[in-house]
Amino acid sequence: MDFVGAKVRRTSLHDHVLRVVLCLLGFALAAGNAYALPAFARQTGQNCASCHAGGQFPELTPYGRIFKMTGYTIGERMVPLSVMGVLSYAKVRDTTKTDDPTVDFQKNNSLMFATGSAFLAGKVTNNIGAFVQVTYNNYNSQSVGPNGELGRFQGHTQADNMDIRYADRFIDANRDLIVGLSVNNNPSVSDPWNSAAAWMQYTPNASPTSHQFVDGSFPGFGSGGNIAGATAYAYLNKSVYAELGLYGTANRAMSFMSAGIADVNRTKLGGTNPYWRLAYTREWGPHNIMLGTSGMVAHVFDAGSDTSDLNNRGRFKNFGLDSQYQYLLDPHAVTAQAAFMRQVTNYSQNTLNNFVPTYFQADGTLVGPANPSDTTNTFRAKLSYVYQAKYGGSVAFFNVRGTSNPLNQNSGFDAAVGGLVTTNDPNGTGITSTRVNGNLSGNPATRGFNYEGFWTPVQYVRVGVQYTAYNKFNGASDNYDGFGRNAKDNNTLRFYIWAAY
């Protein structure tokens, strides 16, 4: 889920937050015993902590993983509808090194309704179930006036994570086997562990650019989401999990999996795009552990390009390793996760053919030609603790390393204006640089920590605060965009209220 800037007065922010908290808590208490995801809880009759570690959705317990792998079919058929919403507030440490703060830090220091989702989720038959999410982004785009001035924000609704399953379970004296088929739109959304790429970032973020630095970096597949695929999986004796599938463009009969996304923005795949997952798990007493690996090869057409021309098609090769440990014994819940993803990006031939070196080095020499491929390594580790399914916190470390490539450089020196980095192109050279999100080196290196504390006053309302601190961003610790912006300037404080029913 992706997410410019009136300020909230200091005297009114506290009042706004207080009203929202009281409203949400009153709604929650009036609703009685509902749970997260509430549709699933009503179906199974279980509370949050049965399926979610420390009651913190969506991180799953062993029981929650079995529920997912058996196709969301445990329990009785109920009304399969749930909703959730997120209120969010973010403040970036330094908003001065910019040409326009209302663009680079939209809604900074403002409380807002960030996003909401509706879910059709639960049991269809004894063997068929679904998790279908449609998400509304309240700040999807911003109108532009006749003179280029920015106007009001406009909301938009589109397909989000979708996972429709057929599953069966066979148990005898010597065997416990779960087998299933998942039709889904996001590689690894079918995965039952939260160290998988689709689930490691589990607190929904907001799209305004004030939130762009929240929570750091995560491992992910180059294909992205809102595509369409089918995967077959098996889980044997609660120890070995294997999944294999193929993905393609979400079009024709599968177009609902990318509903609401304009065709020019829709991910288009060509050729064969396999996905695989293998994991070993073990449970003993209150402990459980998983060691796993996953990967995918995706042939992706350049955004908005002609899919009849194979020279517009690039390739992403992903290989990942991940692990998870849990200790679950009331009143304590401890989860430790680590995930690593290597991505090799082979750019399309037309991307390479159309690249013309523009920027100069500091010594006045032109930057070199584009690399035909790049390798990026992303690592993230997280430790969380929850007490009494109410009070908790986490700390996460993230680190991105990779090759430098002029193709990924969007800031640089202009020899025609005395070797400066400029945004206004004074000599009409066509050389402009990007502030805040600029990359002077063409290197993706980004590193830092994310700290979070949260309180769950009732089962499906979470109040949280996050602080994301960077010591490297876009390839450097200092002056990464060429305009004097340092990595630590992107440090961000975020407050959120997340509720579901």
Foldseek 3Di string as FASTA:
>chain_A
DAAFADADDPVCPVVVVVVVVVVQVVVQVVVPQAFVVRLLCVFQVDHQVQAAFLLDPPAGDPNVLVCLLQAQQHGHDDQQKKKKWKKKAKAFQDQPLAPGRRQQAYHHNHIDGAKMKMWRWHHDDNFKTWTWIKMKGQQPDWDADPVRDTHDGHMFIWTDKIWIKGKDWDDDPPKTKIKMKIKIWFPCPSPSHQLDQVRVPPDDFHHGNSGVPPPHDTDGFPQGTLWIKMKIWMQMPVFKIKIKMWIAGCDDVRVNSTPRDDPLAGKGFDDTKMKIKIKTKDDDDQKIKIKIKIWIKTWTFDRNDDPVDSLRTKIKTKIKIKMKMWGHDPQKIKIKIKMKMKIKIQGRNVLQVPDDFQAAALVGHTDDGWDRMKIKMKMKIKIKMHGNSFKIKMKMKIWMWMDATSSQAQWHFDVVVPRATAAPCPPVSPRHFDPPQGAHGNIATWIWMKIKIWGDPDSFKIKMKMWIATCDGNHGQFCRRRSTDGRRSRIMIMIMIMGMD
